[in-house]
């Protein structure tokens, strides 16, 4: 849709510098499926560079068991005495914590069921790979960094994984949240497994 919008803008007015703003990204869900949907939308937004100025996901807050308008998509749930995040909240948190301003070309080959975008810091020293696995089973991939020489072999990895219907509740408010660990074998060419139904950020430096 974003690609088609860009094409039409140029068709209507060649050389147009119009941009797209996504004011409301709706989903009517607050579970892992919604988190993965948001992560893939953000990947699409990144791949379009500065054509998309901003992406705003609705809705921020939702009272526990009090929704009565059909828009069951809160990121942060609350009661009179407790506040907790849902999977889409953590997906947004991961994206924000790993934001970099420069888009880097990335490709998924050999039919891997992965959705990927890549960004780099302004000084060229940090590279972030945003990887979404929509498959019902883990997917192993070979990561080849063609133009990022001198990578530090120790990299960080954050993963948000769970079944599509998984959500956080009053009794188990941290059931679905990012798991962070270090990779000790990162290089210009290495293998990595991505869990089923997951959003992963691989953060490399040099």
N, C-alpha and C. Protein backbone atom coordinates (compact mmCIF):
# COMPACT_ATOMS: atom_id res chain seq x y z
N UNK A 1 0.82 -1.20 0.00
CA UNK A 1 0.00 0.00 0.00
C UNK A 1 0.86 1.26 0.00
N UNK A 2 1.93 1.26 0.80
CA UNK A 2 2.81 2.42 0.83
C UNK A 2 3.54 2.60 -0.50
N UNK A 3 3.95 1.47 -1.09
CA UNK A 3 4.63 1.53 -2.38
C UNK A 3 3.68 2.08 -3.45
N UNK A 4 2.44 1.64 -3.42
CA UNK A 4 1.45 2.12 -4.39
C UNK A 4 1.15 3.61 -4.17
N UNK A 5 1.08 4.03 -2.92
CA UNK A 5 0.85 5.45 -2.63
C UNK A 5 1.98 6.30 -3.18
N UNK A 6 3.19 5.83 -3.00
CA UNK A 6 4.35 6.59 -3.51
C UNK A 6 4.31 6.68 -5.04
N UNK A 7 3.95 5.56 -5.68
CA UNK A 7 3.86 5.54 -7.14
C UNK A 7 2.80 6.52 -7.64
N UNK A 8 1.65 6.52 -6.98
CA UNK A 8 0.57 7.40 -7.40
C UNK A 8 0.92 8.87 -7.19
N UNK A 9 1.60 9.17 -6.08
CA UNK A 9 2.01 10.56 -5.85
C UNK A 9 2.87 11.06 -7.00
N UNK A 10 3.81 10.20 -7.43
CA UNK A 10 4.70 10.60 -8.52
C UNK A 10 3.97 10.64 -9.86
N UNK A 11 2.95 9.80 -9.99
CA UNK A 11 2.14 9.81 -11.22
C UNK A 11 1.31 11.08 -11.31
N UNK A 12 0.73 11.47 -10.20
CA UNK A 12 -0.11 12.66 -10.18
C UNK A 12 0.72 13.94 -10.31
N UNK A 13 1.89 13.93 -9.64
CA UNK A 13 2.74 15.12 -9.66
C UNK A 13 4.20 14.67 -9.66
N UNK A 14 4.79 14.47 -10.86
CA UNK A 14 6.19 14.04 -10.92
C UNK A 14 7.10 14.97 -10.11
N UNK A 15 7.98 14.33 -9.32
CA UNK A 15 8.87 15.11 -8.47
C UNK A 15 8.24 15.54 -7.15
N UNK A 16 7.01 15.08 -6.89
CA UNK A 16 6.32 15.46 -5.65
C UNK A 16 7.11 15.01 -4.44
N UNK A 17 7.11 15.83 -3.40
CA UNK A 17 7.82 15.52 -2.16
C UNK A 17 6.85 15.25 -1.02
N UNK A 18 5.62 14.87 -1.37
CA UNK A 18 4.63 14.54 -0.35
C UNK A 18 5.06 13.32 0.45
N UNK A 19 4.67 13.31 1.71
CA UNK A 19 4.99 12.21 2.60
C UNK A 19 3.69 11.63 3.18
N UNK A 20 3.81 10.45 3.70
CA UNK A 20 2.67 9.76 4.33
C UNK A 20 2.83 9.79 5.84
N UNK A 21 1.72 10.02 6.54
CA UNK A 21 1.68 9.93 8.00
C UNK A 21 0.59 8.94 8.38
N UNK A 22 0.95 7.91 9.11
CA UNK A 22 -0.02 6.92 9.59
C UNK A 22 -0.48 7.35 10.97
N UNK A 23 -1.64 7.99 11.02
CA UNK A 23 -2.12 8.53 12.29
C UNK A 23 -2.70 7.45 13.20
N UNK A 24 -3.31 6.41 12.62
CA UNK A 24 -3.90 5.34 13.45
C UNK A 24 -3.65 3.99 12.81
N UNK A 25 -2.81 3.20 13.45
CA UNK A 25 -2.60 1.82 13.03
C UNK A 25 -3.45 0.96 13.96
N UNK A 26 -4.57 0.46 13.44
CA UNK A 26 -5.52 -0.28 14.27
C UNK A 26 -5.39 -1.78 14.08
N UNK A 27 -5.83 -2.54 15.08
CA UNK A 27 -5.75 -3.98 14.99
C UNK A 27 -6.81 -4.74 15.75
N UNK A 28 -7.51 -4.09 16.69
CA UNK A 28 -8.56 -4.71 17.50
C UNK A 28 -8.06 -5.93 18.28
N UNK A 29 -6.77 -5.96 18.58
CA UNK A 29 -6.17 -7.04 19.36
C UNK A 29 -5.10 -6.44 20.26
N UNK A 30 -4.75 -7.16 21.31
CA UNK A 30 -3.65 -6.71 22.17
C UNK A 30 -2.70 -7.86 22.49
N UNK A 31 -2.69 -8.90 21.63
CA UNK A 31 -1.89 -10.09 21.90
C UNK A 31 -0.62 -10.12 21.04
N UNK A 32 0.04 -11.29 21.00
CA UNK A 32 1.27 -11.42 20.23
C UNK A 32 1.03 -11.22 18.73
N UNK A 33 -0.13 -11.63 18.25
CA UNK A 33 -0.45 -11.42 16.84
C UNK A 33 -0.40 -9.93 16.49
N UNK A 34 -0.95 -9.11 17.38
CA UNK A 34 -0.93 -7.65 17.14
C UNK A 34 0.50 -7.12 17.22
N UNK A 35 1.30 -7.66 18.12
CA UNK A 35 2.69 -7.23 18.22
C UNK A 35 3.45 -7.52 16.94
N UNK A 36 3.24 -8.71 16.38
CA UNK A 36 3.91 -9.07 15.13
C UNK A 36 3.39 -8.23 13.97
N UNK A 37 2.09 -7.93 13.98
CA UNK A 37 1.54 -7.06 12.95
C UNK A 37 2.16 -5.68 12.99
N UNK A 38 2.35 -5.15 14.20
CA UNK A 38 2.97 -3.84 14.34
C UNK A 38 4.44 -3.89 13.91
N UNK A 39 5.14 -4.95 14.26
CA UNK A 39 6.55 -5.08 13.90
C UNK A 39 6.72 -5.14 12.38
N UNK A 40 5.84 -5.87 11.68
CA UNK A 40 5.94 -5.93 10.22
C UNK A 40 5.56 -4.60 9.58
N UNK A 41 4.61 -3.88 10.19
CA UNK A 41 4.27 -2.54 9.68
C UNK A 41 5.47 -1.61 9.82
N UNK A 42 6.13 -1.66 10.97
CA UNK A 42 7.31 -0.82 11.18
C UNK A 42 8.42 -1.19 10.19
N UNK A 43 8.56 -2.47 9.88
CA UNK A 43 9.55 -2.87 8.88
C UNK A 43 9.23 -2.23 7.52
N UNK A 44 7.96 -2.26 7.14
CA UNK A 44 7.54 -1.65 5.88
C UNK A 44 7.80 -0.15 5.89
N UNK A 45 7.50 0.49 7.02
CA UNK A 45 7.74 1.93 7.15
C UNK A 45 9.23 2.22 6.99
N UNK A 46 10.09 1.44 7.65
CA UNK A 46 11.54 1.66 7.54
C UNK A 46 12.02 1.51 6.10
N UNK A 47 11.51 0.49 5.42
CA UNK A 47 11.96 0.24 4.05
C UNK A 47 11.60 1.39 3.10
N UNK A 48 10.63 2.21 3.48
CA UNK A 48 10.23 3.35 2.65
C UNK A 48 10.96 4.64 3.02
N UNK A 49 11.93 4.54 3.93
CA UNK A 49 12.75 5.70 4.27
C UNK A 49 11.93 6.85 4.79
N UNK A 50 12.27 8.06 4.34
CA UNK A 50 11.59 9.25 4.86
C UNK A 50 10.26 9.53 4.16
N UNK A 51 9.80 8.62 3.28
CA UNK A 51 8.49 8.79 2.65
C UNK A 51 7.38 8.72 3.70
N UNK A 52 7.59 7.89 4.74
CA UNK A 52 6.63 7.79 5.84
C UNK A 52 7.20 8.56 7.02
N UNK A 53 6.57 9.68 7.33
CA UNK A 53 7.10 10.57 8.37
C UNK A 53 6.91 10.01 9.77
N UNK A 54 5.79 9.30 9.99
CA UNK A 54 5.50 8.80 11.34
C UNK A 54 4.46 7.69 11.25
N UNK A 55 4.51 6.77 12.20
CA UNK A 55 3.51 5.71 12.31
C UNK A 55 3.02 5.69 13.75
N UNK A 56 1.75 5.97 13.96
CA UNK A 56 1.15 6.02 15.30
C UNK A 56 0.22 4.83 15.48
N UNK A 57 0.48 4.04 16.50
CA UNK A 57 -0.35 2.87 16.78
C UNK A 57 -1.38 3.21 17.84
N UNK A 58 -2.66 2.88 17.58
CA UNK A 58 -3.73 3.10 18.56
C UNK A 58 -3.89 1.81 19.37
N UNK A 59 -4.37 1.84 20.50
CA UNK A 59 -4.66 2.83 21.51
C UNK A 59 -3.68 2.63 22.63
N UNK A 60 -3.36 3.64 23.38
CA UNK A 60 -2.36 3.54 24.41
C UNK A 60 -2.81 2.81 25.67
N UNK A 61 -3.91 3.26 26.25
CA UNK A 61 -4.35 2.76 27.55
C UNK A 61 -5.68 2.04 27.45
N UNK A 62 -5.85 1.00 28.28
CA UNK A 62 -7.13 0.28 28.33
C UNK A 62 -7.36 -0.27 29.73
N UNK A 63 -8.51 0.02 30.35
CA UNK A 63 -8.81 -0.55 31.66
C UNK A 63 -9.13 -2.04 31.54
N UNK A 64 -8.59 -2.82 32.44
CA UNK A 64 -8.78 -4.27 32.43
C UNK A 64 -10.26 -4.63 32.57
N UNK A 65 -10.75 -5.42 31.59
CA UNK A 65 -12.13 -5.94 31.57
C UNK A 65 -13.19 -4.83 31.51
N UNK A 66 -12.82 -3.64 31.05
CA UNK A 66 -13.78 -2.54 30.99
C UNK A 66 -14.04 -2.05 29.57
N UNK A 67 -13.39 -2.64 28.58
CA UNK A 67 -13.58 -2.19 27.21
C UNK A 67 -14.99 -2.53 26.74
N UNK A 68 -15.71 -1.53 26.19
CA UNK A 68 -17.07 -1.79 25.73
C UNK A 68 -17.36 -1.16 24.37
N UNK A 69 -16.32 -0.83 23.61
CA UNK A 69 -16.56 -0.17 22.33
C UNK A 69 -15.99 -0.95 21.13
N UNK A 70 -15.55 -2.21 21.35
CA UNK A 70 -15.07 -3.03 20.25
C UNK A 70 -13.63 -2.80 19.84
N UNK A 71 -12.95 -1.83 20.47
CA UNK A 71 -11.57 -1.55 20.13
C UNK A 71 -10.65 -2.08 21.23
N UNK A 72 -10.52 -3.39 21.23
CA UNK A 72 -9.79 -4.09 22.29
C UNK A 72 -8.30 -4.17 21.94
N UNK A 73 -7.62 -3.01 21.93
CA UNK A 73 -6.25 -2.99 21.42
C UNK A 73 -5.28 -2.17 22.26
N UNK A 74 -5.54 -2.09 23.55
CA UNK A 74 -4.66 -1.31 24.41
C UNK A 74 -3.24 -1.86 24.49
N UNK A 75 -2.29 -0.96 24.63
CA UNK A 75 -0.90 -1.36 24.81
C UNK A 75 -0.57 -1.53 26.29
N UNK A 76 -1.13 -0.64 27.10
CA UNK A 76 -0.90 -0.67 28.54
C UNK A 76 -2.26 -0.85 29.22
N UNK A 77 -2.39 -1.92 29.99
CA UNK A 77 -3.63 -2.20 30.71
C UNK A 77 -3.46 -1.77 32.17
N UNK A 78 -4.59 -1.47 32.81
CA UNK A 78 -4.50 -1.04 34.20
C UNK A 78 -5.77 -1.38 34.97
N UNK A 79 -5.59 -1.51 36.27
CA UNK A 79 -6.69 -1.59 37.22
C UNK A 79 -6.46 -0.46 38.22
N UNK A 80 -7.23 -0.43 39.28
CA UNK A 80 -7.04 0.60 40.29
C UNK A 80 -5.69 0.46 41.00
N UNK A 81 -5.11 -0.75 40.96
CA UNK A 81 -3.87 -0.94 41.71
C UNK A 81 -2.73 -1.57 40.93
N UNK A 82 -2.88 -1.73 39.61
CA UNK A 82 -1.84 -2.41 38.85
C UNK A 82 -1.78 -1.89 37.41
N UNK A 83 -0.58 -1.84 36.84
CA UNK A 83 -0.36 -1.40 35.47
C UNK A 83 0.62 -2.38 34.82
N UNK A 84 0.34 -2.80 33.56
CA UNK A 84 1.26 -3.71 32.88
C UNK A 84 1.14 -3.56 31.36
N UNK A 85 2.20 -3.97 30.68
CA UNK A 85 2.24 -3.86 29.23
C UNK A 85 1.79 -5.13 28.54
N UNK A 86 1.19 -4.96 27.36
CA UNK A 86 0.80 -6.07 26.50
C UNK A 86 1.89 -6.29 25.44
N UNK A 87 1.87 -7.41 24.72
CA UNK A 87 2.91 -7.65 23.71
C UNK A 87 3.14 -6.50 22.72
N UNK A 88 2.11 -5.81 22.21
CA UNK A 88 2.39 -4.69 21.29
C UNK A 88 3.18 -3.57 21.96
N UNK A 89 2.97 -3.38 23.25
CA UNK A 89 3.75 -2.38 24.00
C UNK A 89 5.23 -2.72 23.94
N UNK A 90 5.56 -4.00 24.14
CA UNK A 90 6.96 -4.40 24.13
C UNK A 90 7.56 -4.34 22.73
N UNK A 91 6.75 -4.64 21.70
CA UNK A 91 7.25 -4.52 20.33
C UNK A 91 7.62 -3.07 20.03
N UNK A 92 6.77 -2.14 20.47
CA UNK A 92 7.07 -0.73 20.25
C UNK A 92 8.29 -0.29 21.06
N UNK A 93 8.40 -0.80 22.27
CA UNK A 93 9.54 -0.48 23.13
C UNK A 93 10.84 -0.94 22.49
N UNK A 94 10.85 -2.16 21.92
CA UNK A 94 12.03 -2.68 21.26
C UNK A 94 12.41 -1.83 20.05
N UNK A 95 11.41 -1.45 19.26
CA UNK A 95 11.66 -0.64 18.08
C UNK A 95 12.24 0.72 18.47
N UNK A 96 11.67 1.31 19.50
CA UNK A 96 12.13 2.63 19.95
C UNK A 96 13.55 2.58 20.49
N UNK A 97 13.84 1.56 21.29
CA UNK A 97 15.16 1.45 21.91
C UNK A 97 16.26 1.21 20.88
N UNK A 98 15.88 0.68 19.72
CA UNK A 98 16.86 0.36 18.70
C UNK A 98 16.70 1.21 17.44
N UNK A 99 16.08 2.36 17.58
CA UNK A 99 15.91 3.25 16.43
C UNK A 99 17.26 3.77 15.94
N UNK A 100 17.46 3.72 14.63
CA UNK A 100 18.62 4.32 13.98
C UNK A 100 18.12 5.10 12.76
N UNK A 101 18.75 6.21 12.40
CA UNK A 101 18.18 7.11 11.40
C UNK A 101 18.38 6.72 9.94
N UNK A 102 19.34 5.83 9.65
CA UNK A 102 19.66 5.53 8.25
C UNK A 102 19.16 4.15 7.85
N UNK A 103 18.43 4.08 6.74
CA UNK A 103 17.92 2.80 6.23
C UNK A 103 19.02 2.11 5.43
N UNK A 104 19.18 0.81 5.67
CA UNK A 104 20.18 0.01 4.96
C UNK A 104 19.44 -1.06 4.16
N UNK A 105 19.85 -1.27 2.92
CA UNK A 105 19.21 -2.28 2.09
C UNK A 105 19.38 -3.66 2.69
N UNK A 106 18.31 -4.45 2.68
CA UNK A 106 18.37 -5.83 3.18
C UNK A 106 17.51 -6.71 2.30
N UNK A 107 17.87 -7.98 2.24
CA UNK A 107 17.19 -8.93 1.39
C UNK A 107 17.01 -10.25 2.11
N UNK A 108 15.87 -10.91 1.88
CA UNK A 108 15.64 -12.26 2.40
C UNK A 108 15.64 -13.19 1.19
N UNK A 109 16.56 -14.16 1.21
CA UNK A 109 16.71 -15.06 0.08
C UNK A 109 16.30 -16.49 0.45
N UNK A 110 16.22 -17.33 -0.56
CA UNK A 110 15.97 -18.77 -0.40
C UNK A 110 14.61 -19.07 0.24
N UNK A 111 13.65 -18.19 0.08
CA UNK A 111 12.29 -18.47 0.54
C UNK A 111 12.09 -18.46 2.04
N UNK A 112 13.02 -17.92 2.79
CA UNK A 112 12.87 -17.86 4.26
C UNK A 112 11.64 -17.02 4.62
N UNK A 113 10.84 -17.51 5.56
CA UNK A 113 9.60 -16.83 5.95
C UNK A 113 9.90 -15.76 6.99
N UNK A 114 10.76 -14.82 6.62
CA UNK A 114 11.16 -13.75 7.54
C UNK A 114 10.88 -12.40 6.90
N UNK A 115 10.48 -11.45 7.72
CA UNK A 115 10.29 -10.07 7.28
C UNK A 115 11.38 -9.25 7.97
N UNK A 116 12.17 -8.53 7.17
CA UNK A 116 13.38 -7.90 7.72
C UNK A 116 13.52 -6.45 7.27
N UNK A 117 14.00 -5.61 8.17
CA UNK A 117 14.46 -4.27 7.81
C UNK A 117 15.76 -4.02 8.58
N UNK A 118 16.58 -3.11 8.04
CA UNK A 118 17.88 -2.83 8.65
C UNK A 118 18.10 -1.33 8.71
N UNK A 119 18.68 -0.87 9.81
CA UNK A 119 18.99 0.55 9.96
C UNK A 119 20.36 0.72 10.59
N UNK A 120 20.96 1.90 10.35
CA UNK A 120 22.31 2.17 10.83
C UNK A 120 22.36 3.53 11.50
N UNK A 121 23.27 3.68 12.45
CA UNK A 121 23.47 4.95 13.12
C UNK A 121 24.12 5.95 12.17
N UNK A 122 24.02 7.23 12.50
CA UNK A 122 24.56 8.28 11.65
C UNK A 122 26.07 8.17 11.50
N UNK A 123 26.76 7.65 12.52
CA UNK A 123 28.21 7.52 12.43
C UNK A 123 28.65 6.20 11.81
N UNK A 124 27.68 5.36 11.42
CA UNK A 124 27.99 4.11 10.75
C UNK A 124 28.55 3.02 11.64
N UNK A 125 28.46 3.19 12.96
CA UNK A 125 29.08 2.22 13.86
C UNK A 125 28.10 1.21 14.46
N UNK A 126 26.80 1.48 14.34
CA UNK A 126 25.79 0.58 14.90
C UNK A 126 24.81 0.15 13.81
N UNK A 127 24.55 -1.13 13.74
CA UNK A 127 23.62 -1.69 12.76
C UNK A 127 22.56 -2.49 13.50
N UNK A 128 21.28 -2.23 13.19
CA UNK A 128 20.18 -2.96 13.83
C UNK A 128 19.37 -3.70 12.78
N UNK A 129 19.19 -4.99 13.00
CA UNK A 129 18.39 -5.83 12.12
C UNK A 129 17.08 -6.14 12.83
N UNK A 130 15.96 -5.76 12.23
CA UNK A 130 14.63 -6.04 12.78
C UNK A 130 14.05 -7.22 12.02
N UNK A 131 13.90 -8.35 12.70
CA UNK A 131 13.51 -9.60 12.03
C UNK A 131 12.21 -10.13 12.64
N UNK A 132 11.21 -10.34 11.78
CA UNK A 132 9.94 -10.92 12.23
C UNK A 132 9.78 -12.29 11.60
N UNK A 133 9.57 -13.31 12.44
CA UNK A 133 9.29 -14.66 11.96
C UNK A 133 7.82 -14.96 12.18
N UNK A 134 7.05 -15.03 11.09
CA UNK A 134 5.61 -15.29 11.17
C UNK A 134 5.28 -16.76 11.08
N UNK A 135 6.29 -17.61 10.98
CA UNK A 135 6.07 -19.05 10.86
C UNK A 135 5.75 -19.68 12.20
N UNK A 136 5.10 -20.84 12.14
CA UNK A 136 4.73 -21.56 13.36
C UNK A 136 5.86 -22.42 13.89
N UNK A 137 7.04 -22.32 13.29
CA UNK A 137 8.20 -23.07 13.75
C UNK A 137 9.43 -22.18 13.67
N UNK A 138 10.47 -22.48 14.43
CA UNK A 138 11.70 -21.67 14.38
C UNK A 138 12.28 -21.66 12.97
N UNK A 139 12.91 -20.56 12.62
CA UNK A 139 13.54 -20.42 11.30
C UNK A 139 15.01 -20.06 11.48
N UNK A 140 15.88 -20.86 10.90
CA UNK A 140 17.31 -20.57 10.93
C UNK A 140 17.69 -19.80 9.68
N UNK A 141 18.54 -18.81 9.85
CA UNK A 141 18.95 -17.99 8.72
C UNK A 141 20.44 -17.69 8.82
N UNK A 142 21.06 -17.56 7.67
CA UNK A 142 22.45 -17.14 7.59
C UNK A 142 22.45 -15.63 7.35
N UNK A 143 23.06 -14.89 8.26
CA UNK A 143 23.11 -13.44 8.16
C UNK A 143 24.44 -13.03 7.54
N UNK A 144 24.35 -12.39 6.39
CA UNK A 144 25.54 -11.96 5.66
C UNK A 144 25.57 -10.44 5.64
N UNK A 145 26.59 -9.86 6.25
CA UNK A 145 26.74 -8.40 6.32
C UNK A 145 27.77 -7.97 5.29
N UNK A 146 27.30 -7.69 4.08
CA UNK A 146 28.22 -7.41 2.98
C UNK A 146 29.04 -6.13 3.18
N UNK A 147 28.42 -5.11 3.74
CA UNK A 147 29.09 -3.81 3.80
C UNK A 147 29.17 -3.27 5.23
N UNK A 148 29.46 -4.15 6.15
CA UNK A 148 29.63 -3.74 7.55
C UNK A 148 30.88 -4.43 8.09
N UNK A 149 32.06 -4.05 7.56
CA UNK A 149 33.31 -4.72 7.97
C UNK A 149 33.71 -4.36 9.40
N UNK A 150 34.50 -5.21 9.98
CA UNK A 150 35.03 -4.94 11.32
C UNK A 150 34.01 -5.07 12.42
N UNK A 151 32.98 -5.92 12.22
CA UNK A 151 31.92 -6.05 13.22
C UNK A 151 32.47 -6.67 14.51
N UNK A 152 32.01 -6.14 15.63
CA UNK A 152 32.35 -6.68 16.94
C UNK A 152 31.66 -8.04 17.09
N UNK A 153 32.39 -9.11 17.43
CA UNK A 153 31.77 -10.44 17.53
C UNK A 153 30.75 -10.56 18.65
N UNK A 154 30.77 -9.63 19.61
CA UNK A 154 29.77 -9.65 20.68
C UNK A 154 28.65 -8.68 20.31
N UNK A 155 27.46 -9.23 20.09
CA UNK A 155 26.30 -8.43 19.70
C UNK A 155 25.17 -8.69 20.69
N UNK A 156 24.16 -7.82 20.69
CA UNK A 156 23.01 -8.02 21.57
C UNK A 156 21.81 -8.45 20.75
N UNK A 157 20.95 -9.23 21.37
CA UNK A 157 19.77 -9.75 20.70
C UNK A 157 18.58 -9.67 21.65
N UNK A 158 17.49 -9.07 21.18
CA UNK A 158 16.25 -8.98 21.96
C UNK A 158 15.15 -9.69 21.19
N UNK A 159 14.41 -10.58 21.86
CA UNK A 159 13.38 -11.35 21.17
C UNK A 159 12.07 -11.34 21.95
N UNK A 160 10.98 -11.07 21.24
CA UNK A 160 9.63 -11.14 21.78
C UNK A 160 8.94 -12.28 21.06
N UNK A 161 8.61 -13.35 21.78
CA UNK A 161 8.05 -14.54 21.14
C UNK A 161 6.88 -15.09 21.95
N UNK A 162 5.96 -15.75 21.25
CA UNK A 162 4.81 -16.36 21.90
C UNK A 162 3.79 -16.76 20.87
N UNK A 163 2.85 -17.60 21.24
CA UNK A 163 1.80 -17.98 20.30
C UNK A 163 0.98 -16.74 19.92
N UNK A 164 0.35 -16.73 18.74
CA UNK A 164 -0.37 -15.54 18.30
C UNK A 164 -1.40 -15.02 19.30
N UNK A 165 -2.05 -15.94 20.06
CA UNK A 165 -3.10 -15.50 20.99
C UNK A 165 -2.57 -15.19 22.39
N UNK A 166 -1.26 -15.27 22.59
CA UNK A 166 -0.69 -15.03 23.92
C UNK A 166 -0.77 -13.55 24.28
N UNK A 167 -1.16 -13.28 25.52
CA UNK A 167 -1.26 -11.91 26.03
C UNK A 167 -0.91 -11.92 27.51
N UNK A 168 -0.71 -10.75 28.06
CA UNK A 168 -0.41 -10.62 29.49
C UNK A 168 -1.68 -10.28 30.25
N UNK A 169 -1.88 -10.93 31.38
CA UNK A 169 -3.09 -10.72 32.16
C UNK A 169 -2.81 -10.24 33.57
N UNK A 170 -3.85 -10.08 34.33
CA UNK A 170 -3.74 -9.58 35.69
C UNK A 170 -2.91 -10.51 36.57
N UNK A 171 -3.06 -11.83 36.37
CA UNK A 171 -2.35 -12.80 37.20
C UNK A 171 -0.91 -13.00 36.73
N UNK A 172 -0.70 -12.91 35.41
CA UNK A 172 0.65 -13.13 34.85
C UNK A 172 0.99 -11.96 33.93
N UNK A 173 1.27 -10.79 34.48
CA UNK A 173 1.44 -9.59 33.67
C UNK A 173 2.73 -9.52 32.86
N UNK A 174 3.66 -10.45 33.08
CA UNK A 174 4.92 -10.43 32.32
C UNK A 174 5.13 -11.73 31.55
N UNK A 175 4.05 -12.42 31.24
CA UNK A 175 4.14 -13.69 30.52
C UNK A 175 4.85 -13.51 29.18
N UNK A 176 4.49 -12.48 28.42
CA UNK A 176 5.12 -12.19 27.13
C UNK A 176 5.88 -10.87 27.24
N UNK A 177 7.18 -10.96 27.20
CA UNK A 177 8.03 -9.77 27.24
C UNK A 177 9.37 -10.11 26.58
N UNK A 178 10.14 -9.11 26.17
CA UNK A 178 11.40 -9.40 25.47
C UNK A 178 12.40 -10.16 26.34
N UNK A 179 13.09 -11.07 25.70
CA UNK A 179 14.21 -11.78 26.32
C UNK A 179 15.47 -11.27 25.66
N UNK A 180 16.42 -10.84 26.46
CA UNK A 180 17.65 -10.26 25.93
C UNK A 180 18.85 -11.13 26.28
N UNK A 181 19.75 -11.29 25.31
CA UNK A 181 21.00 -11.98 25.60
C UNK A 181 22.07 -11.53 24.60
N UNK A 182 23.30 -11.96 24.84
CA UNK A 182 24.41 -11.59 23.97
C UNK A 182 24.72 -12.70 22.99
N UNK A 183 25.15 -12.30 21.80
CA UNK A 183 25.70 -13.23 20.83
C UNK A 183 27.21 -13.10 20.88
N UNK A 184 27.88 -14.21 21.00
CA UNK A 184 29.33 -14.15 21.08
C UNK A 184 30.01 -14.46 19.75
N UNK A 185 29.20 -14.89 18.75
CA UNK A 185 29.79 -15.34 17.49
C UNK A 185 29.39 -14.48 16.30
N UNK A 186 28.96 -13.25 16.54
CA UNK A 186 28.56 -12.39 15.42
C UNK A 186 29.78 -12.04 14.58
N UNK A 187 29.57 -11.97 13.28
CA UNK A 187 30.65 -11.61 12.36
C UNK A 187 29.99 -11.12 11.08
N UNK A 188 30.76 -11.05 10.02
CA UNK A 188 30.18 -10.63 8.75
C UNK A 188 29.34 -11.70 8.11
N UNK A 189 29.36 -12.91 8.69
CA UNK A 189 28.63 -14.05 8.12
C UNK A 189 28.40 -15.05 9.26
N UNK A 190 27.18 -15.15 9.76
CA UNK A 190 26.91 -16.08 10.86
C UNK A 190 25.47 -16.56 10.80
N UNK A 191 25.20 -17.65 11.50
CA UNK A 191 23.87 -18.25 11.52
C UNK A 191 23.13 -17.85 12.79
N UNK A 192 21.82 -17.67 12.65
CA UNK A 192 20.99 -17.33 13.81
C UNK A 192 19.61 -17.96 13.65
N UNK A 193 19.09 -18.50 14.74
CA UNK A 193 17.74 -19.07 14.71
C UNK A 193 16.76 -18.08 15.32
N UNK A 194 15.61 -17.92 14.65
CA UNK A 194 14.57 -17.02 15.11
C UNK A 194 13.36 -17.84 15.53
N UNK A 195 12.89 -17.69 16.78
CA UNK A 195 11.79 -18.52 17.28
C UNK A 195 10.51 -18.33 16.48
N UNK A 196 9.61 -19.28 16.62
CA UNK A 196 8.30 -19.18 15.98
C UNK A 196 7.56 -17.94 16.49
N UNK A 197 6.81 -17.32 15.61
CA UNK A 197 5.98 -16.15 15.97
C UNK A 197 6.78 -15.16 16.83
N UNK A 198 7.83 -14.62 16.26
CA UNK A 198 8.72 -13.76 17.05
C UNK A 198 9.10 -12.49 16.32
N UNK A 199 9.46 -11.49 17.13
CA UNK A 199 10.08 -10.27 16.65
C UNK A 199 11.42 -10.17 17.35
N UNK A 200 12.49 -10.05 16.57
CA UNK A 200 13.84 -10.03 17.12
C UNK A 200 14.61 -8.83 16.59
N UNK A 201 15.35 -8.17 17.46
CA UNK A 201 16.26 -7.11 17.05
C UNK A 201 17.69 -7.57 17.34
N UNK A 202 18.49 -7.65 16.29
CA UNK A 202 19.91 -7.97 16.43
C UNK A 202 20.66 -6.65 16.30
N UNK A 203 21.40 -6.31 17.33
CA UNK A 203 22.13 -5.02 17.37
C UNK A 203 23.62 -5.28 17.32
N UNK A 204 24.26 -4.85 16.23
CA UNK A 204 25.68 -5.07 16.04
C UNK A 204 26.43 -3.74 16.05
N UNK A 205 27.71 -3.80 16.35
CA UNK A 205 28.52 -2.59 16.37
C UNK A 205 29.88 -2.86 15.78
N UNK A 206 30.62 -1.79 15.50
CA UNK A 206 31.99 -1.93 15.03
C UNK A 206 32.82 -0.74 15.49
